[in-house]
C-alpha cells in the first residue's frame, strides 16, 4: 500500500492523516516536502495522525524525526496521534517515544498545543 496523506485544519493546528506504510521511497520524501510546505506557509502546530499507518521502517522513523527537527527549528511543535501497536512498539524499542508527544485523543491533542504555547 502506498503512502497517502490528507491534510485538514482544526483551529490553528494542521492535522495530517497518514495512510499506508512509511518506508524508504518517494512517498516518504513527499511527507518531508509536505511538512516543509506547511512551515513555509506559517503553520507551526502539526499533528500526524498515524491511525492508518500499517508499517514504518528505519527510513520512515528518520522521516518522522526529520519532520520533528524541522518543525522545532521553526519554533513549532509536531505531535503524534493514534499509534497502532506496531508503530508504538517501534517507537518504544528505539526510545523515540521519549522524544515525541504522543496522544490517543484528537481533541485533547489539539488543545495541548494551546497549553504548551503558554
PDB file of N, CA and C in Angstrom:
ATOM      1  N   UNK A   1       0.841  -1.178   0.000  1.00  0.00           N
ATOM      2  CA  UNK A   1       0.000   0.000   0.000  1.00  0.00           C
ATOM      3  C   UNK A   1       0.888   1.243   0.000  1.00  0.00           C
ATOM      4  N   UNK A   2       0.630   2.132  -0.915  1.00  0.00           N
ATOM      5  CA  UNK A   2       1.387   3.369  -0.987  1.00  0.00           C
ATOM      6  C   UNK A   2       0.999   4.302   0.160  1.00  0.00           C
ATOM      7  N   UNK A   3       1.882   5.235   0.431  1.00  0.00           N
ATOM      8  CA  UNK A   3       1.636   6.237   1.451  1.00  0.00           C
ATOM      9  C   UNK A   3       0.789   7.355   0.856  1.00  0.00           C
ATOM     10  N   UNK A   4      -0.298   7.688   1.544  1.00  0.00           N
ATOM     11  CA  UNK A   4      -1.118   8.820   1.142  1.00  0.00           C
ATOM     12  C   UNK A   4      -1.346   9.700   2.361  1.00  0.00           C
ATOM     13  N   UNK A   5      -1.509  10.980   2.095  1.00  0.00           N
ATOM     14  CA  UNK A   5      -1.762  11.916   3.189  1.00  0.00           C
ATOM     15  C   UNK A   5      -2.961  12.786   2.853  1.00  0.00           C
ATOM     16  N   UNK A   6      -3.679  13.147   3.889  1.00  0.00           N
ATOM     17  CA  UNK A   6      -4.779  14.096   3.779  1.00  0.00           C
ATOM     18  C   UNK A   6      -4.548  15.148   4.846  1.00  0.00           C
ATOM     19  N   UNK A   7      -4.639  16.399   4.458  1.00  0.00           N
ATOM     20  CA  UNK A   7      -4.390  17.492   5.396  1.00  0.00           C
ATOM     21  C   UNK A   7      -5.700  18.194   5.710  1.00  0.00           C
ATOM     22  N   UNK A   8      -5.896  18.457   6.990  1.00  0.00           N
ATOM     23  CA  UNK A   8      -7.066  19.223   7.423  1.00  0.00           C
ATOM     24  C   UNK A   8      -6.640  20.128   8.569  1.00  0.00           C
ATOM     25  N   UNK A   9      -7.464  21.114   8.852  1.00  0.00           N
ATOM     26  CA  UNK A   9      -7.100  22.084   9.870  1.00  0.00           C
ATOM     27  C   UNK A   9      -8.197  22.167  10.925  1.00  0.00           C
ATOM     28  N   UNK A  10      -7.783  22.163  12.191  1.00  0.00           N
ATOM     29  CA  UNK A  10      -8.679  22.367  13.317  1.00  0.00           C
ATOM     30  C   UNK A  10      -8.112  23.550  14.089  1.00  0.00           C
ATOM     31  N   UNK A  11      -8.790  24.686  14.003  1.00  0.00           N
ATOM     32  CA  UNK A  11      -8.253  25.906  14.603  1.00  0.00           C
ATOM     33  C   UNK A  11      -6.958  26.265  13.905  1.00  0.00           C
ATOM     34  N   UNK A  12      -5.899  26.455  14.669  1.00  0.00           N
ATOM     35  CA  UNK A  12      -4.611  26.764  14.057  1.00  0.00           C
ATOM     36  C   UNK A  12      -3.685  25.551  14.024  1.00  0.00           C
ATOM     37  N   UNK A  13      -4.254  24.376  14.243  1.00  0.00           N
ATOM     38  CA  UNK A  13      -3.492  23.129  14.183  1.00  0.00           C
ATOM     39  C   UNK A  13      -3.755  22.417  12.866  1.00  0.00           C
ATOM     40  N   UNK A  14      -2.695  21.996  12.196  1.00  0.00           N
ATOM     41  CA  UNK A  14      -2.829  21.227  10.958  1.00  0.00           C
ATOM     42  C   UNK A  14      -2.688  19.753  11.310  1.00  0.00           C
ATOM     43  N   UNK A  15      -3.682  18.972  10.892  1.00  0.00           N
ATOM     44  CA  UNK A  15      -3.663  17.534  11.126  1.00  0.00           C
ATOM     45  C   UNK A  15      -3.386  16.847   9.797  1.00  0.00           C
ATOM     46  N   UNK A  16      -2.373  15.997   9.796  1.00  0.00           N
ATOM     47  CA  UNK A  16      -2.039  15.228   8.599  1.00  0.00           C
ATOM     48  C   UNK A  16      -2.418  13.780   8.865  1.00  0.00           C
ATOM     49  N   UNK A  17      -3.454  13.316   8.170  1.00  0.00           N
ATOM     50  CA  UNK A  17      -3.868  11.917   8.268  1.00  0.00           C
ATOM     51  C   UNK A  17      -2.992  11.116   7.315  1.00  0.00           C
ATOM     52  N   UNK A  18      -2.228  10.187   7.851  1.00  0.00           N
ATOM     53  CA  UNK A  18      -1.287   9.405   7.055  1.00  0.00           C
ATOM     54  C   UNK A  18      -1.822   7.987   6.923  1.00  0.00           C
ATOM     55  N   UNK A  19      -1.853   7.483   5.698  1.00  0.00           N
ATOM     56  CA  UNK A  19      -2.343   6.135   5.419  1.00  0.00           C
ATOM     57  C   UNK A  19      -1.280   5.348   4.671  1.00  0.00           C
ATOM     58  N   UNK A  20      -1.085   4.095   5.067  1.00  0.00           N
ATOM     59  CA  UNK A  20      -0.153   3.228   4.351  1.00  0.00           C
ATOM     60  C   UNK A  20       1.096   2.942   5.150  1.00  0.00           C
ATOM     61  N   UNK A  21       2.194   2.805   4.419  1.00  0.00           N
ATOM     62  CA  UNK A  21       3.478   2.442   5.005  1.00  0.00           C
ATOM     63  C   UNK A  21       4.454   3.613   4.868  1.00  0.00           C
ATOM     64  N   UNK A  22       5.107   3.950   5.964  1.00  0.00           N
ATOM     65  CA  UNK A  22       6.132   4.997   5.919  1.00  0.00           C
ATOM     66  C   UNK A  22       7.466   4.281   5.777  1.00  0.00           C
ATOM     67  N   UNK A  23       7.909   4.172   4.535  1.00  0.00           N
ATOM     68  CA  UNK A  23       9.131   3.424   4.223  1.00  0.00           C
ATOM     69  C   UNK A  23       9.974   4.240   3.248  1.00  0.00           C
ATOM     70  N   UNK A  24      11.189   3.755   3.001  1.00  0.00           N
ATOM     71  CA  UNK A  24      12.094   4.398   2.064  1.00  0.00           C
ATOM     72  C   UNK A  24      11.425   4.536   0.702  1.00  0.00           C
ATOM     73  N   UNK A  25      11.502   5.722   0.119  1.00  0.00           N
ATOM     74  CA  UNK A  25      10.946   5.920  -1.209  1.00  0.00           C
ATOM     75  C   UNK A  25      10.389   7.321  -1.401  1.00  0.00           C
ATOM     76  N   UNK A  26       9.803   7.526  -2.556  1.00  0.00           N
ATOM     77  CA  UNK A  26       9.278   8.836  -2.919  1.00  0.00           C
ATOM     78  C   UNK A  26       8.149   9.287  -2.015  1.00  0.00           C
ATOM     79  N   UNK A  27       7.319   8.352  -1.589  1.00  0.00           N
ATOM     80  CA  UNK A  27       6.164   8.721  -0.779  1.00  0.00           C
ATOM     81  C   UNK A  27       6.581   9.327   0.560  1.00  0.00           C
ATOM     82  N   UNK A  28       7.577   8.729   1.208  1.00  0.00           N
ATOM     83  CA  UNK A  28       8.008   9.293   2.486  1.00  0.00           C
ATOM     84  C   UNK A  28       8.746  10.609   2.276  1.00  0.00           C
ATOM     85  N   UNK A  29       9.408  10.764   1.147  1.00  0.00           N
ATOM     86  CA  UNK A  29      10.035  12.055   0.817  1.00  0.00           C
ATOM     87  C   UNK A  29       8.953  13.117   0.609  1.00  0.00           C
ATOM     88  N   UNK A  30       7.815  12.699   0.079  1.00  0.00           N
ATOM     89  CA  UNK A  30       6.688  13.633  -0.103  1.00  0.00           C
ATOM     90  C   UNK A  30       6.181  14.122   1.248  1.00  0.00           C
ATOM     91  N   UNK A  31       6.263  13.284   2.268  1.00  0.00           N
ATOM     92  CA  UNK A  31       5.865  13.690   3.615  1.00  0.00           C
ATOM     93  C   UNK A  31       6.770  14.810   4.113  1.00  0.00           C
ATOM     94  N   UNK A  32       8.064  14.681   3.864  1.00  0.00           N
ATOM     95  CA  UNK A  32       9.024  15.724   4.241  1.00  0.00           C
ATOM     96  C   UNK A  32       8.703  17.026   3.505  1.00  0.00           C
ATOM     97  N   UNK A  33       8.381  16.933   2.230  1.00  0.00           N
ATOM     98  CA  UNK A  33       8.041  18.123   1.444  1.00  0.00           C
ATOM     99  C   UNK A  33       6.770  18.781   1.957  1.00  0.00           C
ATOM    100  N   UNK A  34       5.798  17.958   2.338  1.00  0.00           N
ATOM    101  CA  UNK A  34       4.550  18.483   2.871  1.00  0.00           C
ATOM    102  C   UNK A  34       4.794  19.290   4.134  1.00  0.00           C
ATOM    103  N   UNK A  35       5.615  18.755   5.033  1.00  0.00           N
ATOM    104  CA  UNK A  35       5.936  19.472   6.267  1.00  0.00           C
ATOM    105  C   UNK A  35       6.670  20.775   5.948  1.00  0.00           C
ATOM    106  N   UNK A  36       7.609  20.731   5.016  1.00  0.00           N
ATOM    107  CA  UNK A  36       8.343  21.947   4.628  1.00  0.00           C
ATOM    108  C   UNK A  36       7.384  22.995   4.072  1.00  0.00           C
ATOM    109  N   UNK A  37       6.432  22.573   3.244  1.00  0.00           N
ATOM    110  CA  UNK A  37       5.456  23.498   2.675  1.00  0.00           C
ATOM    111  C   UNK A  37       4.571  24.116   3.760  1.00  0.00           C
ATOM    112  N   UNK A  38       4.160  23.303   4.729  1.00  0.00           N
ATOM    113  CA  UNK A  38       3.342  23.819   5.828  1.00  0.00           C
ATOM    114  C   UNK A  38       4.111  24.850   6.645  1.00  0.00           C
ATOM    115  N   UNK A  39       5.385  24.578   6.896  1.00  0.00           N
ATOM    116  CA  UNK A  39       6.211  25.527   7.646  1.00  0.00           C
ATOM    117  C   UNK A  39       6.382  26.835   6.877  1.00  0.00           C
ATOM    118  N   UNK A  40       6.585  26.724   5.563  1.00  0.00           N
ATOM    119  CA  UNK A  40       6.710  27.935   4.737  1.00  0.00           C
ATOM    120  C   UNK A  40       5.436  28.756   4.775  1.00  0.00           C
ATOM    121  N   UNK A  41       4.298  28.090   4.898  1.00  0.00           N
ATOM    122  CA  UNK A  41       3.002  28.777   4.954  1.00  0.00           C
ATOM    123  C   UNK A  41       2.702  29.326   6.349  1.00  0.00           C
ATOM    124  N   UNK A  42       3.615  29.089   7.294  1.00  0.00           N
ATOM    125  CA  UNK A  42       3.463  29.647   8.628  1.00  0.00           C
ATOM    126  C   UNK A  42       2.774  28.747   9.636  1.00  0.00           C
ATOM    127  N   UNK A  43       2.517  27.498   9.284  1.00  0.00           N
ATOM    128  CA  UNK A  43       1.881  26.565  10.216  1.00  0.00           C
ATOM    129  C   UNK A  43       2.937  26.003  11.157  1.00  0.00           C
ATOM    130  N   UNK A  44       2.718  26.182  12.449  1.00  0.00           N
ATOM    131  CA  UNK A  44       3.712  25.752  13.438  1.00  0.00           C
ATOM    132  C   UNK A  44       3.179  24.673  14.373  1.00  0.00           C
ATOM    133  N   UNK A  45       1.902  24.326  14.252  1.00  0.00           N
ATOM    134  CA  UNK A  45       1.293  23.292  15.089  1.00  0.00           C
ATOM    135  C   UNK A  45       0.842  22.171  14.170  1.00  0.00           C
ATOM    136  N   UNK A  46       1.590  21.072  14.182  1.00  0.00           N
ATOM    137  CA  UNK A  46       1.335  19.973  13.249  1.00  0.00           C
ATOM    138  C   UNK A  46       1.121  18.683  14.036  1.00  0.00           C
ATOM    139  N   UNK A  47       0.069  17.974  13.656  1.00  0.00           N
ATOM    140  CA  UNK A  47      -0.294  16.724  14.307  1.00  0.00           C
ATOM    141  C   UNK A  47      -0.350  15.625  13.254  1.00  0.00           C
ATOM    142  N   UNK A  48       0.493  14.612  13.400  1.00  0.00           N
ATOM    143  CA  UNK A  48       0.484  13.455  12.499  1.00  0.00           C
ATOM    144  C   UNK A  48      -0.476  12.412  13.061  1.00  0.00           C
ATOM    145  N   UNK A  49      -1.554  12.119  12.324  1.00  0.00           N
ATOM    146  CA  UNK A  49      -2.482  11.057  12.704  1.00  0.00           C
ATOM    147  C   UNK A  49      -1.995   9.773  12.047  1.00  0.00           C
ATOM    148  N   UNK A  50      -1.474   8.862  12.864  1.00  0.00           N
ATOM    149  CA  UNK A  50      -0.877   7.627  12.355  1.00  0.00           C
ATOM    150  C   UNK A  50      -1.805   6.414  12.503  1.00  0.00           C
ATOM    151  N   UNK A  51      -3.097   6.644  12.691  1.00  0.00           N
ATOM    152  CA  UNK A  51      -4.049   5.554  12.916  1.00  0.00           C
ATOM    153  C   UNK A  51      -4.039   4.529  11.785  1.00  0.00           C
ATOM    154  N   UNK A  52      -3.821   4.965  10.560  1.00  0.00           N
ATOM    155  CA  UNK A  52      -3.875   4.060   9.413  1.00  0.00           C
ATOM    156  C   UNK A  52      -2.503   3.761   8.812  1.00  0.00           C
ATOM    157  N   UNK A  53      -1.460   3.911   9.627  1.00  0.00           N
ATOM    158  CA  UNK A  53      -0.117   3.542   9.192  1.00  0.00           C
ATOM    159  C   UNK A  53       0.090   2.076   9.571  1.00  0.00           C
ATOM    160  N   UNK A  54       0.292   1.249   8.574  1.00  0.00           N
ATOM    161  CA  UNK A  54       0.399  -0.189   8.822  1.00  0.00           C
ATOM    162  C   UNK A  54       1.822  -0.633   9.144  1.00  0.00           C
ATOM    163  N   UNK A  55       2.816   0.164   8.740  1.00  0.00           N
ATOM    164  CA  UNK A  55       4.208  -0.243   8.931  1.00  0.00           C
ATOM    165  C   UNK A  55       5.100   0.977   8.824  1.00  0.00           C
ATOM    166  N   UNK A  56       6.196   0.958   9.580  1.00  0.00           N
ATOM    167  CA  UNK A  56       7.185   2.027   9.480  1.00  0.00           C
ATOM    168  C   UNK A  56       8.571   1.385   9.580  1.00  0.00           C
ATOM    169  N   UNK A  57       9.458   1.716   8.642  1.00  0.00           N
ATOM    170  CA  UNK A  57      10.818   1.175   8.686  1.00  0.00           C
ATOM    171  C   UNK A  57      11.775   2.238   9.216  1.00  0.00           C
ATOM    172  N   UNK A  58      13.060   1.930   9.228  1.00  0.00           N
ATOM    173  CA  UNK A  58      14.043   2.866   9.782  1.00  0.00           C
ATOM    174  C   UNK A  58      14.076   4.179   9.007  1.00  0.00           C
ATOM    175  N   UNK A  59      13.867   4.110   7.704  1.00  0.00           N
ATOM    176  CA  UNK A  59      13.806   5.337   6.905  1.00  0.00           C
ATOM    177  C   UNK A  59      12.582   6.162   7.290  1.00  0.00           C
ATOM    178  N   UNK A  60      11.483   5.477   7.538  1.00  0.00           N
ATOM    179  CA  UNK A  60      10.264   6.163   7.979  1.00  0.00           C
ATOM    180  C   UNK A  60      10.457   6.832   9.326  1.00  0.00           C
ATOM    181  N   UNK A  61      11.161   6.144  10.234  1.00  0.00           N
ATOM    182  CA  UNK A  61      11.485   6.765  11.520  1.00  0.00           C
ATOM    183  C   UNK A  61      12.331   8.012  11.304  1.00  0.00           C
ATOM    184  N   UNK A  62      13.271   7.906  10.370  1.00  0.00           N
ATOM    185  CA  UNK A  62      14.095   9.064  10.027  1.00  0.00           C
ATOM    186  C   UNK A  62      13.252  10.221   9.507  1.00  0.00           C
ATOM    187  N   UNK A  63      12.222   9.902   8.738  1.00  0.00           N
ATOM    188  CA  UNK A  63      11.320  10.946   8.223  1.00  0.00           C
ATOM    189  C   UNK A  63      10.577  11.631   9.377  1.00  0.00           C
ATOM    190  N   UNK A  64      10.096  10.828  10.332  1.00  0.00           N
ATOM    191  CA  UNK A  64       9.394  11.411  11.482  1.00  0.00           C
ATOM    192  C   UNK A  64      10.326  12.302  12.298  1.00  0.00           C
ATOM    193  N   UNK A  65      11.535  11.822  12.550  1.00  0.00           N
ATOM    194  CA  UNK A  65      12.499  12.610  13.327  1.00  0.00           C
ATOM    195  C   UNK A  65      12.896  13.867  12.551  1.00  0.00           C
ATOM    196  N   UNK A  66      13.107  13.722  11.248  1.00  0.00           N
ATOM    197  CA  UNK A  66      13.454  14.881  10.421  1.00  0.00           C
ATOM    198  C   UNK A  66      12.355  15.933  10.423  1.00  0.00           C
ATOM    199  N   UNK A  67      11.121  15.484  10.348  1.00  0.00           N
ATOM    200  CA  UNK A  67       9.984  16.419  10.392  1.00  0.00           C
ATOM    201  C   UNK A  67       9.937  17.108  11.751  1.00  0.00           C
ATOM    202  N   UNK A  68      10.144  16.338  12.810  1.00  0.00           N
ATOM    203  CA  UNK A  68      10.142  16.889  14.169  1.00  0.00           C
ATOM    204  C   UNK A  68      11.215  17.976  14.308  1.00  0.00           C
ATOM    205  N   UNK A  69      12.412  17.677  13.837  1.00  0.00           N
ATOM    206  CA  UNK A  69      13.523  18.634  13.932  1.00  0.00           C
ATOM    207  C   UNK A  69      13.223  19.889  13.111  1.00  0.00           C
ATOM    208  N   UNK A  70      12.698  19.709  11.898  1.00  0.00           N
ATOM    209  CA  UNK A  70      12.385  20.856  11.040  1.00  0.00           C
ATOM    210  C   UNK A  70      11.352  21.775  11.693  1.00  0.00           C
ATOM    211  N   UNK A  71      10.343  21.173  12.298  1.00  0.00           N
ATOM    212  CA  UNK A  71       9.292  21.961  12.951  1.00  0.00           C
ATOM    213  C   UNK A  71       9.855  22.676  14.173  1.00  0.00           C
ATOM    214  N   UNK A  72      10.654  21.990  14.965  1.00  0.00           N
ATOM    215  CA  UNK A  72      11.233  22.612  16.159  1.00  0.00           C
ATOM    216  C   UNK A  72      12.165  23.769  15.794  1.00  0.00           C
ATOM    217  N   UNK A  73      12.899  23.634  14.686  1.00  0.00           N
ATOM    218  CA  UNK A  73      13.790  24.717  14.246  1.00  0.00           C
ATOM    219  C   UNK A  73      13.013  25.981  13.897  1.00  0.00           C
ATOM    220  N   UNK A  74      11.737  25.804  13.544  1.00  0.00           N
ATOM    221  CA  UNK A  74      10.880  26.946  13.210  1.00  0.00           C
ATOM    222  C   UNK A  74      10.036  27.373  14.421  1.00  0.00           C
ATOM    223  N   UNK A  75      10.451  26.946  15.612  1.00  0.00           N
ATOM    224  CA  UNK A  75       9.752  27.243  16.869  1.00  0.00           C
ATOM    225  C   UNK A  75       8.327  26.697  16.872  1.00  0.00           C
ATOM    226  N   UNK A  76       8.138  25.556  16.219  1.00  0.00           N
ATOM    227  CA  UNK A  76       6.828  24.923  16.192  1.00  0.00           C
ATOM    228  C   UNK A  76       6.829  23.623  16.970  1.00  0.00           C
ATOM    229  N   UNK A  77       5.685  22.929  16.875  1.00  0.00           N
ATOM    230  CA  UNK A  77       5.551  21.645  17.557  1.00  0.00           C
ATOM    231  C   UNK A  77       4.954  20.627  16.608  1.00  0.00           C
ATOM    232  N   UNK A  78       5.458  19.420  16.698  1.00  0.00           N
ATOM    233  CA  UNK A  78       4.919  18.298  15.940  1.00  0.00           C
ATOM    234  C   UNK A  78       4.588  17.196  16.940  1.00  0.00           C
ATOM    235  N   UNK A  79       3.359  16.707  16.888  1.00  0.00           N
ATOM    236  CA  UNK A  79       2.920  15.658  17.808  1.00  0.00           C
ATOM    237  C   UNK A  79       2.346  14.499  17.002  1.00  0.00           C
ATOM    238  N   UNK A  80       2.302  13.334  17.640  1.00  0.00           N
ATOM    239  CA  UNK A  80       1.793  12.125  17.003  1.00  0.00           C
ATOM    240  C   UNK A  80       0.489  11.702  17.659  1.00  0.00           C
ATOM    241  N   UNK A  81      -0.378  11.115  16.845  1.00  0.00           N
ATOM    242  CA  UNK A  81      -1.709  10.733  17.307  1.00  0.00           C
ATOM    243  C   UNK A  81      -2.058   9.342  16.811  1.00  0.00           C
ATOM    244  N   UNK A  82      -2.759   8.571  17.638  1.00  0.00           N
ATOM    245  CA  UNK A  82      -3.325   7.263  17.266  1.00  0.00           C
ATOM    246  C   UNK A  82      -2.292   6.279  16.720  1.00  0.00           C
ATOM    247  N   UNK A  83      -1.283   5.986  17.501  1.00  0.00           N
ATOM    248  CA  UNK A  83      -0.305   4.976  17.086  1.00  0.00           C
ATOM    249  C   UNK A  83      -0.914   3.578  17.235  1.00  0.00           C
ATOM    250  N   UNK A  84      -0.775   2.766  16.192  1.00  0.00           N
ATOM    251  CA  UNK A  84      -1.204   1.376  16.338  1.00  0.00           C
ATOM    252  C   UNK A  84      -0.112   0.625  17.084  1.00  0.00           C
ATOM    253  N   UNK A  85      -0.370  -0.628  17.424  1.00  0.00           N
ATOM    254  CA  UNK A  85       0.585  -1.392  18.238  1.00  0.00           C
ATOM    255  C   UNK A  85       1.955  -1.538  17.585  1.00  0.00           C
ATOM    256  N   UNK A  86       1.978  -1.778  16.265  1.00  0.00           N
ATOM    257  CA  UNK A  86       3.267  -1.961  15.581  1.00  0.00           C
ATOM    258  C   UNK A  86       4.113  -0.696  15.641  1.00  0.00           C
ATOM    259  N   UNK A  87       3.502   0.438  15.330  1.00  0.00           N
ATOM    260  CA  UNK A  87       4.242   1.706  15.335  1.00  0.00           C
ATOM    261  C   UNK A  87       4.638   2.067  16.763  1.00  0.00           C
ATOM    262  N   UNK A  88       3.747   1.846  17.705  1.00  0.00           N
ATOM    263  CA  UNK A  88       4.052   2.121  19.104  1.00  0.00           C
ATOM    264  C   UNK A  88       5.257   1.294  19.569  1.00  0.00           C
ATOM    265  N   UNK A  89       5.271   0.013  19.206  1.00  0.00           N
ATOM    266  CA  UNK A  89       6.382  -0.857  19.590  1.00  0.00           C
ATOM    267  C   UNK A  89       7.705  -0.379  19.001  1.00  0.00           C
ATOM    268  N   UNK A  90       7.681   0.040  17.749  1.00  0.00           N
ATOM    269  CA  UNK A  90       8.912   0.538  17.109  1.00  0.00           C
ATOM    270  C   UNK A  90       9.409   1.793  17.826  1.00  0.00           C
ATOM    271  N   UNK A  91       8.498   2.693  18.183  1.00  0.00           N
ATOM    272  CA  UNK A  91       8.915   3.905  18.892  1.00  0.00           C
ATOM    273  C   UNK A  91       9.434   3.573  20.293  1.00  0.00           C
ATOM    274  N   UNK A  92       8.889   2.546  20.927  1.00  0.00           N
ATOM    275  CA  UNK A  92       9.394   2.150  22.244  1.00  0.00           C
ATOM    276  C   UNK A  92      10.769   1.504  22.144  1.00  0.00           C
ATOM    277  N   UNK A  93      10.937   0.608  21.193  1.00  0.00           N
ATOM    278  CA  UNK A  93      12.225  -0.072  21.030  1.00  0.00           C
ATOM    279  C   UNK A  93      13.341   0.925  20.746  1.00  0.00           C
ATOM    280  N   UNK A  94      13.049   1.927  19.932  1.00  0.00           N
ATOM    281  CA  UNK A  94      14.059   2.928  19.565  1.00  0.00           C
ATOM    282  C   UNK A  94      14.157   4.070  20.569  1.00  0.00           C
ATOM    283  N   UNK A  95      13.302   4.042  21.585  1.00  0.00           N
ATOM    284  CA  UNK A  95      13.240   5.082  22.624  1.00  0.00           C
ATOM    285  C   UNK A  95      12.759   6.438  22.080  1.00  0.00           C
ATOM    286  N   UNK A  96      12.218   6.448  20.880  1.00  0.00           N
ATOM    287  CA  UNK A  96      11.715   7.705  20.313  1.00  0.00           C
ATOM    288  C   UNK A  96      10.409   8.162  20.964  1.00  0.00           C
ATOM    289  N   UNK A  97       9.754   7.263  21.703  1.00  0.00           N
ATOM    290  CA  UNK A  97       8.546   7.674  22.403  1.00  0.00           C
ATOM    291  C   UNK A  97       8.862   8.752  23.441  1.00  0.00           C
ATOM    292  N   UNK A  98      10.133   8.866  23.856  1.00  0.00           N
ATOM    293  CA  UNK A  98      10.519   9.906  24.811  1.00  0.00           C
ATOM    294  C   UNK A  98      10.703  11.260  24.121  1.00  0.00           C
ATOM    295  N   UNK A  99      10.820  11.250  22.799  1.00  0.00           N
ATOM    296  CA  UNK A  99      11.028  12.481  22.031  1.00  0.00           C
ATOM    297  C   UNK A  99       9.699  13.107  21.642  1.00  0.00           C
ATOM    298  N   UNK A 100       8.793  12.278  21.159  1.00  0.00           N
ATOM    299  CA  UNK A 100       7.524  12.775  20.634  1.00  0.00           C
ATOM    300  C   UNK A 100       6.464  12.872  21.719  1.00  0.00           C
ATOM    301  N   UNK A 101       5.586  13.859  21.565  1.00  0.00           N
ATOM    302  CA  UNK A 101       4.373  13.949  22.371  1.00  0.00           C
ATOM    303  C   UNK A 101       3.343  13.093  21.640  1.00  0.00           C
ATOM    304  N   UNK A 102       2.874  12.019  22.270  1.00  0.00           N
ATOM    305  CA  UNK A 102       2.002  11.050  21.620  1.00  0.00           C
ATOM    306  C   UNK A 102       0.664  11.022  22.339  1.00  0.00           C
ATOM    307  N   UNK A 103      -0.431  11.074  21.556  1.00  0.00           N
ATOM    308  CA  UNK A 103      -1.761  11.053  22.158  1.00  0.00           C
ATOM    309  C   UNK A 103      -2.694  10.093  21.462  1.00  0.00           C
ATOM    310  N   UNK A 104      -3.831   9.851  22.108  1.00  0.00           N
ATOM    311  CA  UNK A 104      -4.865   8.982  21.550  1.00  0.00           C
ATOM    312  C   UNK A 104      -6.190   9.699  21.342  1.00  0.00           C
ATOM    313  N   UNK A 105      -6.265  10.953  21.736  1.00  0.00           N
ATOM    314  CA  UNK A 105      -7.496  11.727  21.635  1.00  0.00           C
ATOM    315  C   UNK A 105      -7.209  12.992  20.823  1.00  0.00           C
ATOM    316  N   UNK A 106      -7.846  13.084  19.655  1.00  0.00           N
ATOM    317  CA  UNK A 106      -7.552  14.211  18.764  1.00  0.00           C
ATOM    318  C   UNK A 106      -7.882  15.552  19.400  1.00  0.00           C
ATOM    319  N   UNK A 107      -9.039  15.670  20.022  1.00  0.00           N
ATOM    320  CA  UNK A 107      -9.432  16.945  20.624  1.00  0.00           C
ATOM    321  C   UNK A 107      -8.452  17.349  21.721  1.00  0.00           C
ATOM    322  N   UNK A 108      -8.045  16.389  22.543  1.00  0.00           N
ATOM    323  CA  UNK A 108      -7.082  16.685  23.609  1.00  0.00           C
ATOM    324  C   UNK A 108      -5.731  17.076  23.022  1.00  0.00           C
ATOM    325  N   UNK A 109      -5.334  16.421  21.934  1.00  0.00           N
ATOM    326  CA  UNK A 109      -4.056  16.740  21.300  1.00  0.00           C
ATOM    327  C   UNK A 109      -4.066  18.162  20.740  1.00  0.00           C
ATOM    328  N   UNK A 110      -5.176  18.540  20.110  1.00  0.00           N
ATOM    329  CA  UNK A 110      -5.291  19.902  19.570  1.00  0.00           C
ATOM    330  C   UNK A 110      -5.234  20.918  20.710  1.00  0.00           C
ATOM    331  N   UNK A 111      -5.938  20.636  21.798  1.00  0.00           N
ATOM    332  CA  UNK A 111      -5.921  21.543  22.954  1.00  0.00           C
ATOM    333  C   UNK A 111      -4.535  21.621  23.579  1.00  0.00           C
ATOM    334  N   UNK A 112      -3.774  20.540  23.516  1.00  0.00           N
ATOM    335  CA  UNK A 112      -2.445  20.518  24.143  1.00  0.00           C
ATOM    336  C   UNK A 112      -1.492  21.519  23.498  1.00  0.00           C
ATOM    337  N   UNK A 113      -1.727  21.862  22.226  1.00  0.00           N
ATOM    338  CA  UNK A 113      -0.876  22.855  21.581  1.00  0.00           C
ATOM    339  C   UNK A 113      -1.054  24.201  22.267  1.00  0.00           C
ATOM    340  N   UNK A 114      -2.267  24.539  22.630  1.00  0.00           N
ATOM    341  CA  UNK A 114      -2.539  25.820  23.295  1.00  0.00           C
ATOM    342  C   UNK A 114      -1.877  25.845  24.671  1.00  0.00           C
ATOM    343  N   UNK A 115      -1.933  24.723  25.392  1.00  0.00           N
ATOM    344  CA  UNK A 115      -1.313  24.653  26.722  1.00  0.00           C
ATOM    345  C   UNK A 115       0.197  24.789  26.642  1.00  0.00           C
ATOM    346  N   UNK A 116       0.817  24.154  25.636  1.00  0.00           N
ATOM    347  CA  UNK A 116       2.271  24.191  25.561  1.00  0.00           C
ATOM    348  C   UNK A 116       2.785  25.532  25.072  1.00  0.00           C
ATOM    349  N   UNK A 117       1.921  26.331  24.440  1.00  0.00           N
ATOM    350  CA  UNK A 117       2.331  27.650  23.950  1.00  0.00           C
ATOM    351  C   UNK A 117       2.382  28.665  25.084  1.00  0.00           C
ATOM    352  N   UNK A 118       1.669  28.381  26.173  1.00  0.00           N
ATOM    353  CA  UNK A 118       1.631  29.338  27.280  1.00  0.00           C
ATOM    354  C   UNK A 118       2.719  29.093  28.287  1.00  0.00           C
TER     355      UNK A 118
END
